[in-house]
């Protein structure tokens, strides 16, 4: 006698994702931090836009120093290097090539105090640099 297998009459229910209740989304701690950082950026940007640009204030000493530096610029051209020979000629050629550099340097032979020169470039406007 052979045993008959019983048919499983219980129907397994297939779960349909549309029929299940929606689950709340889990947010990671990083997304929460990102939202907080974004809010801080928006608020700080709004604050700075509200403040507007204010012109920088200058101290009276800085303003006075700028006036003095403008008065110390040499406006006369340097002498021709052809007037000289040797190392002096080379020095006058360099002075003619880079006057904006020499115009910013103090001459340490104290010619500003003794000869009335404005800066190192002034020494190349006359024959002072050749001596």
N, C-alpha and C. Protein backbone atom coordinates (compact mmCIF):
# COMPACT_ATOMS: atom_id res chain seq x y z
N UNK A 1 0.79 -1.15 0.00
CA UNK A 1 0.00 0.00 0.00
C UNK A 1 0.86 1.25 0.00
N UNK A 2 0.59 2.07 -0.88
CA UNK A 2 1.35 3.31 -1.03
C UNK A 2 0.61 4.43 -0.30
N UNK A 3 1.38 5.16 0.34
CA UNK A 3 0.79 6.29 1.06
C UNK A 3 0.65 7.44 0.09
N UNK A 4 -0.45 8.05 0.17
CA UNK A 4 -0.69 9.22 -0.66
C UNK A 4 -0.21 10.47 0.07
N UNK A 5 0.42 11.27 -0.71
CA UNK A 5 0.87 12.54 -0.13
C UNK A 5 -0.29 13.50 -0.12
N UNK A 6 -0.41 14.14 0.97
CA UNK A 6 -1.47 15.13 1.08
C UNK A 6 -1.04 16.39 0.37
N UNK A 7 -1.96 16.92 -0.35
CA UNK A 7 -1.72 18.19 -1.02
C UNK A 7 -1.84 19.30 0.00
N UNK A 8 -0.91 20.21 -0.12
CA UNK A 8 -0.97 21.37 0.77
C UNK A 8 -2.01 22.32 0.22
N UNK A 9 -3.10 22.40 0.92
CA UNK A 9 -4.19 23.23 0.45
C UNK A 9 -4.09 24.66 0.95
N UNK A 10 -3.21 24.89 1.90
CA UNK A 10 -3.09 26.26 2.40
C UNK A 10 -2.33 27.09 1.36
N UNK A 11 -2.92 28.15 1.00
CA UNK A 11 -2.32 29.01 -0.01
C UNK A 11 -1.40 30.02 0.68
N UNK A 12 -0.22 30.06 0.13
CA UNK A 12 0.70 31.06 0.66
C UNK A 12 0.36 32.38 0.03
N UNK A 13 0.27 33.35 0.87
CA UNK A 13 -0.07 34.67 0.37
C UNK A 13 1.20 35.34 -0.14
N UNK A 14 1.12 35.83 -1.32
CA UNK A 14 2.24 36.60 -1.88
C UNK A 14 2.11 38.02 -1.34
N UNK A 15 3.20 38.51 -0.83
CA UNK A 15 3.15 39.87 -0.29
C UNK A 15 3.36 40.85 -1.43
N UNK A 16 2.48 41.76 -1.53
CA UNK A 16 2.55 42.80 -2.54
C UNK A 16 3.07 44.05 -1.86
N UNK A 17 4.14 44.66 -2.36
CA UNK A 17 4.67 45.85 -1.68
C UNK A 17 3.69 47.00 -1.67
N UNK A 18 2.76 47.02 -2.59
CA UNK A 18 1.80 48.12 -2.62
C UNK A 18 0.79 47.99 -1.49
N UNK A 19 0.58 46.76 -1.00
CA UNK A 19 -0.42 46.54 0.02
C UNK A 19 0.12 46.74 1.42
N UNK A 20 1.46 46.80 1.58
CA UNK A 20 2.01 46.94 2.93
C UNK A 20 1.97 48.40 3.34
N UNK A 21 1.97 48.64 4.61
CA UNK A 21 1.93 50.00 5.14
C UNK A 21 3.28 50.67 4.88
N UNK A 22 3.28 51.96 4.54
CA UNK A 22 4.56 52.64 4.27
C UNK A 22 5.39 52.75 5.53
N UNK A 23 6.67 52.47 5.38
CA UNK A 23 7.59 52.55 6.50
C UNK A 23 8.24 53.94 6.50
N UNK A 24 8.43 54.53 7.67
CA UNK A 24 9.10 55.84 7.70
C UNK A 24 10.56 55.68 7.28
N UNK A 25 11.04 56.67 6.52
CA UNK A 25 12.43 56.62 6.06
C UNK A 25 13.36 56.93 7.22
N UNK A 26 14.44 56.19 7.28
CA UNK A 26 15.43 56.43 8.31
C UNK A 26 16.47 57.40 7.76
N UNK A 27 16.77 58.42 8.52
CA UNK A 27 17.78 59.39 8.10
C UNK A 27 19.05 59.11 8.86
N UNK A 28 20.13 59.18 8.14
CA UNK A 28 21.41 58.95 8.81
C UNK A 28 21.81 60.22 9.55
N UNK A 29 22.73 60.06 10.47
CA UNK A 29 23.19 61.22 11.23
C UNK A 29 23.93 62.21 10.34
N UNK A 30 24.51 61.72 9.24
CA UNK A 30 25.24 62.62 8.33
C UNK A 30 24.28 63.52 7.56
N UNK A 31 23.13 63.00 7.19
CA UNK A 31 22.18 63.85 6.47
C UNK A 31 21.63 64.92 7.41
N UNK A 32 21.46 64.61 8.67
CA UNK A 32 21.00 65.60 9.64
C UNK A 32 22.06 66.69 9.81
N UNK A 33 23.32 66.28 9.91
CA UNK A 33 24.40 67.26 10.02
C UNK A 33 24.49 68.13 8.78
N UNK A 34 24.28 67.53 7.61
CA UNK A 34 24.33 68.29 6.36
C UNK A 34 23.21 69.32 6.32
N UNK A 35 22.04 68.98 6.81
CA UNK A 35 20.92 69.94 6.83
C UNK A 35 21.21 71.09 7.78
N UNK A 36 21.80 70.78 8.93
CA UNK A 36 22.14 71.83 9.89
C UNK A 36 23.20 72.76 9.31
N UNK A 37 24.24 72.17 8.69
CA UNK A 37 25.29 72.99 8.08
C UNK A 37 24.74 73.87 6.97
N UNK A 38 23.85 73.34 6.16
CA UNK A 38 23.23 74.14 5.10
C UNK A 38 22.44 75.30 5.66
N UNK A 39 21.73 75.05 6.74
CA UNK A 39 20.97 76.13 7.37
C UNK A 39 21.86 77.23 7.92
N UNK A 40 22.98 76.82 8.52
CA UNK A 40 23.93 77.80 9.05
C UNK A 40 24.50 78.64 7.91
N UNK A 41 24.85 78.00 6.79
CA UNK A 41 25.39 78.74 5.64
C UNK A 41 24.38 79.74 5.09
N UNK A 42 23.14 79.33 5.00
CA UNK A 42 22.11 80.23 4.47
C UNK A 42 21.93 81.42 5.40
N UNK A 43 21.88 81.16 6.70
CA UNK A 43 21.69 82.25 7.65
C UNK A 43 22.89 83.20 7.68
N UNK A 44 24.11 82.65 7.63
CA UNK A 44 25.28 83.53 7.64
C UNK A 44 25.37 84.34 6.35
N UNK A 45 25.02 83.74 5.22
CA UNK A 45 25.02 84.49 3.96
C UNK A 45 24.01 85.61 3.98
N UNK A 46 22.84 85.34 4.54
CA UNK A 46 21.83 86.38 4.63
C UNK A 46 22.29 87.50 5.55
N UNK A 47 22.97 87.16 6.62
CA UNK A 47 23.47 88.17 7.55
C UNK A 47 24.46 89.10 6.86
N UNK A 48 25.42 88.51 6.13
CA UNK A 48 26.43 89.34 5.47
C UNK A 48 25.84 90.16 4.34
N UNK A 49 24.86 89.66 3.65
CA UNK A 49 24.19 90.46 2.63
C UNK A 49 23.45 91.62 3.26
N UNK A 50 22.87 91.38 4.42
CA UNK A 50 22.14 92.43 5.12
C UNK A 50 23.09 93.53 5.58
N UNK A 51 24.29 93.15 6.01
CA UNK A 51 25.26 94.12 6.50
C UNK A 51 25.75 95.05 5.40
N UNK A 52 25.86 94.51 4.19
CA UNK A 52 26.35 95.33 3.08
C UNK A 52 27.86 95.53 3.19
N UNK A 53 28.42 96.07 2.13
CA UNK A 53 29.86 96.32 2.13
C UNK A 53 30.14 97.69 2.73
N UNK A 54 31.01 97.68 3.70
CA UNK A 54 31.42 98.94 4.31
C UNK A 54 32.82 99.26 3.81
N UNK A 55 33.09 100.48 3.46
CA UNK A 55 34.44 100.81 2.99
C UNK A 55 35.45 100.62 4.11
N UNK A 56 36.63 100.09 3.79
CA UNK A 56 37.63 99.91 4.84
C UNK A 56 38.10 101.25 5.36
N UNK A 57 38.29 101.31 6.64
CA UNK A 57 38.76 102.55 7.24
C UNK A 57 40.28 102.56 7.21
N UNK A 58 40.84 103.72 6.96
CA UNK A 58 42.28 103.86 6.94
C UNK A 58 42.70 104.77 8.08
N UNK A 59 43.80 104.40 8.68
CA UNK A 59 44.31 105.22 9.76
C UNK A 59 44.91 106.50 9.17
N UNK A 60 44.91 107.56 9.92
CA UNK A 60 45.51 108.80 9.41
C UNK A 60 47.00 108.64 9.10
N UNK A 61 47.69 107.77 9.86
CA UNK A 61 49.11 107.55 9.61
C UNK A 61 49.32 106.92 8.24
N UNK A 62 48.48 105.94 7.87
CA UNK A 62 48.61 105.28 6.57
C UNK A 62 48.33 106.26 5.44
N UNK A 63 47.32 107.09 5.60
CA UNK A 63 47.01 108.09 4.59
C UNK A 63 48.17 109.06 4.41
N UNK A 64 48.77 109.48 5.52
CA UNK A 64 49.91 110.40 5.45
C UNK A 64 51.11 109.73 4.80
N UNK A 65 51.33 108.44 5.08
CA UNK A 65 52.44 107.71 4.49
C UNK A 65 52.27 107.59 2.98
N UNK A 66 51.04 107.37 2.52
CA UNK A 66 50.79 107.30 1.08
C UNK A 66 51.09 108.64 0.42
N UNK A 67 50.75 109.74 1.07
CA UNK A 67 51.04 111.06 0.52
C UNK A 67 52.54 111.27 0.41
N UNK A 68 53.28 110.86 1.42
CA UNK A 68 54.73 111.02 1.41
C UNK A 68 55.34 110.18 0.31
N UNK A 69 54.87 108.91 0.14
CA UNK A 69 55.42 108.04 -0.90
C UNK A 69 55.15 108.57 -2.29
N UNK A 70 54.01 109.21 -2.51
CA UNK A 70 53.72 109.79 -3.83
C UNK A 70 54.70 110.93 -4.12
N UNK A 71 55.03 111.71 -3.10
CA UNK A 71 55.97 112.81 -3.28
C UNK A 71 57.40 112.33 -3.48
N UNK A 72 57.70 111.08 -3.13
CA UNK A 72 59.05 110.56 -3.24
C UNK A 72 59.30 109.83 -4.55
N UNK A 73 58.42 109.89 -5.50
CA UNK A 73 58.62 109.23 -6.79
C UNK A 73 59.42 110.15 -7.71
N UNK A 74 60.36 109.53 -8.44
CA UNK A 74 61.18 110.28 -9.39
C UNK A 74 60.45 110.37 -10.71
N UNK A 75 60.38 111.58 -11.26
CA UNK A 75 59.68 111.78 -12.53
C UNK A 75 60.63 112.06 -13.69
N UNK A 76 61.89 112.37 -13.41
CA UNK A 76 62.85 112.68 -14.46
C UNK A 76 63.45 111.40 -15.03
N UNK A 77 63.83 111.40 -16.32
CA UNK A 77 64.45 110.21 -16.92
C UNK A 77 65.90 110.08 -16.49
N UNK A 78 66.42 108.86 -16.58
CA UNK A 78 67.82 108.62 -16.24
C UNK A 78 68.73 109.13 -17.36
N UNK A 79 69.99 109.35 -17.02
CA UNK A 79 70.95 109.80 -18.02
C UNK A 79 71.28 108.65 -18.97
N UNK A 80 71.75 108.98 -20.13
CA UNK A 80 72.08 107.97 -21.14
C UNK A 80 73.31 107.17 -20.69
N UNK A 81 73.26 105.85 -20.80
CA UNK A 81 74.44 105.04 -20.44
C UNK A 81 75.64 105.30 -21.35
N UNK A 82 75.41 105.85 -22.56
CA UNK A 82 76.51 106.13 -23.50
C UNK A 82 77.45 107.20 -22.97
N UNK A 83 77.03 107.96 -21.98
CA UNK A 83 77.88 109.00 -21.41
C UNK A 83 78.99 108.42 -20.54
N UNK A 84 78.86 107.14 -20.19
CA UNK A 84 79.78 106.54 -19.22
C UNK A 84 80.45 105.31 -19.83
N UNK A 85 81.40 104.76 -19.08
CA UNK A 85 82.08 103.54 -19.55
C UNK A 85 82.22 102.55 -18.40
N UNK A 86 82.47 101.28 -18.76
CA UNK A 86 82.74 100.26 -17.76
C UNK A 86 81.52 99.89 -16.91
N UNK A 87 81.80 99.71 -15.62
CA UNK A 87 80.75 99.30 -14.69
C UNK A 87 79.69 100.39 -14.50
N UNK A 88 80.10 101.63 -14.61
CA UNK A 88 79.15 102.73 -14.45
C UNK A 88 78.14 102.71 -15.60
N UNK A 89 78.63 102.45 -16.82
CA UNK A 89 77.72 102.35 -17.97
C UNK A 89 76.70 101.24 -17.74
N UNK A 90 77.19 100.10 -17.25
CA UNK A 90 76.28 98.96 -16.98
C UNK A 90 75.24 99.33 -15.91
N UNK A 91 75.65 100.06 -14.90
CA UNK A 91 74.73 100.48 -13.84
C UNK A 91 73.65 101.41 -14.40
N UNK A 92 74.03 102.33 -15.26
CA UNK A 92 73.05 103.24 -15.86
C UNK A 92 72.12 102.50 -16.82
N UNK A 93 72.63 101.46 -17.50
CA UNK A 93 71.77 100.65 -18.36
C UNK A 93 70.71 99.92 -17.52
N UNK A 94 71.14 99.37 -16.40
CA UNK A 94 70.20 98.66 -15.52
C UNK A 94 69.17 99.64 -14.96
N UNK A 95 69.62 100.82 -14.57
CA UNK A 95 68.69 101.82 -14.04
C UNK A 95 67.66 102.22 -15.09
N UNK A 96 68.07 102.28 -16.33
CA UNK A 96 67.13 102.63 -17.41
C UNK A 96 66.18 101.46 -17.68
N UNK A 97 66.63 100.22 -17.44
CA UNK A 97 65.81 99.03 -17.69
C UNK A 97 64.75 98.82 -16.62
N UNK A 98 65.10 99.04 -15.35
CA UNK A 98 64.17 98.77 -14.25
C UNK A 98 63.99 100.00 -13.34
N UNK A 99 63.51 101.10 -13.88
CA UNK A 99 63.37 102.29 -13.04
C UNK A 99 62.32 102.12 -11.95
N UNK A 100 61.27 101.30 -12.20
CA UNK A 100 60.22 101.15 -11.19
C UNK A 100 60.74 100.46 -9.94
N UNK A 101 61.79 99.66 -10.06
CA UNK A 101 62.38 99.01 -8.89
C UNK A 101 63.21 100.01 -8.11
N UNK A 102 64.07 100.73 -8.79
CA UNK A 102 64.93 101.71 -8.12
C UNK A 102 64.13 102.87 -7.54
N UNK A 103 62.98 103.13 -8.10
CA UNK A 103 62.13 104.22 -7.62
C UNK A 103 61.54 103.91 -6.24
N UNK A 104 61.59 102.65 -5.84
CA UNK A 104 61.02 102.26 -4.54
C UNK A 104 62.08 102.05 -3.46
N UNK A 105 63.34 102.19 -3.82
CA UNK A 105 64.41 101.89 -2.88
C UNK A 105 65.04 103.15 -2.30
N UNK A 106 65.39 103.06 -1.03
CA UNK A 106 66.09 104.15 -0.37
C UNK A 106 67.57 104.06 -0.70
N UNK A 107 68.19 105.17 -0.96
CA UNK A 107 69.62 105.21 -1.25
C UNK A 107 70.37 105.38 0.07
N UNK A 108 71.23 104.42 0.37
CA UNK A 108 71.91 104.43 1.67
C UNK A 108 73.16 105.30 1.70
N UNK A 109 73.45 106.05 0.65
CA UNK A 109 74.56 107.01 0.74
C UNK A 109 74.05 108.33 1.33
N UNK A 110 72.81 108.31 1.77
CA UNK A 110 72.15 109.44 2.44
C UNK A 110 72.06 110.66 1.53
N UNK A 111 71.90 110.41 0.21
CA UNK A 111 71.78 111.52 -0.73
C UNK A 111 70.43 112.23 -0.59
N UNK A 112 69.45 111.57 0.02
CA UNK A 112 68.18 112.26 0.25
C UNK A 112 68.40 113.42 1.21
N UNK A 113 69.18 113.16 2.24
CA UNK A 113 69.43 114.21 3.22
C UNK A 113 70.46 115.22 2.72
N UNK A 114 71.47 114.75 1.96
CA UNK A 114 72.57 115.63 1.55
C UNK A 114 72.35 116.29 0.19
N UNK A 115 71.75 115.59 -0.77
CA UNK A 115 71.62 116.12 -2.13
C UNK A 115 70.18 116.41 -2.52
N UNK A 116 69.23 116.09 -1.67
CA UNK A 116 67.82 116.35 -1.99
C UNK A 116 67.20 115.32 -2.93
N UNK A 117 67.83 114.15 -3.05
CA UNK A 117 67.26 113.11 -3.91
C UNK A 117 66.03 112.49 -3.27
N UNK A 118 65.17 111.92 -4.11
CA UNK A 118 63.94 111.30 -3.62
C UNK A 118 64.14 109.83 -3.26
N UNK A 119 64.93 109.11 -4.07
CA UNK A 119 65.16 107.68 -3.87
C UNK A 119 66.39 107.26 -4.67
N UNK A 120 66.62 105.97 -4.81
CA UNK A 120 67.81 105.48 -5.51
C UNK A 120 67.79 105.84 -6.99
N UNK A 121 66.63 105.90 -7.60
CA UNK A 121 66.56 106.27 -9.02
C UNK A 121 67.05 107.70 -9.25
N UNK A 122 66.90 108.55 -8.27
CA UNK A 122 67.35 109.95 -8.41
C UNK A 122 68.87 110.02 -8.62
N UNK A 123 69.60 109.05 -8.12
CA UNK A 123 71.05 109.05 -8.31
C UNK A 123 71.42 108.84 -9.78
N UNK A 124 70.53 108.22 -10.54
CA UNK A 124 70.79 107.96 -11.97
C UNK A 124 70.20 109.03 -12.88
N UNK A 125 69.52 110.00 -12.31
CA UNK A 125 68.99 111.12 -13.09
C UNK A 125 70.10 112.15 -13.32
N UNK A 126 71.06 112.18 -12.40
CA UNK A 126 72.23 113.05 -12.58
C UNK A 126 73.49 112.19 -12.49
N UNK A 127 74.64 112.80 -12.36
CA UNK A 127 75.90 112.06 -12.37
C UNK A 127 76.28 111.53 -10.98
N UNK A 128 75.39 111.62 -10.04
CA UNK A 128 75.69 111.21 -8.67
C UNK A 128 76.08 109.73 -8.59
N UNK A 129 75.46 108.86 -9.37
CA UNK A 129 75.76 107.43 -9.31
C UNK A 129 77.12 107.10 -9.92
N UNK A 130 77.69 108.00 -10.68
CA UNK A 130 78.98 107.72 -11.31
C UNK A 130 80.15 108.04 -10.38
N UNK A 131 79.89 108.72 -9.31
CA UNK A 131 81.00 109.10 -8.41
C UNK A 131 81.20 108.11 -7.30
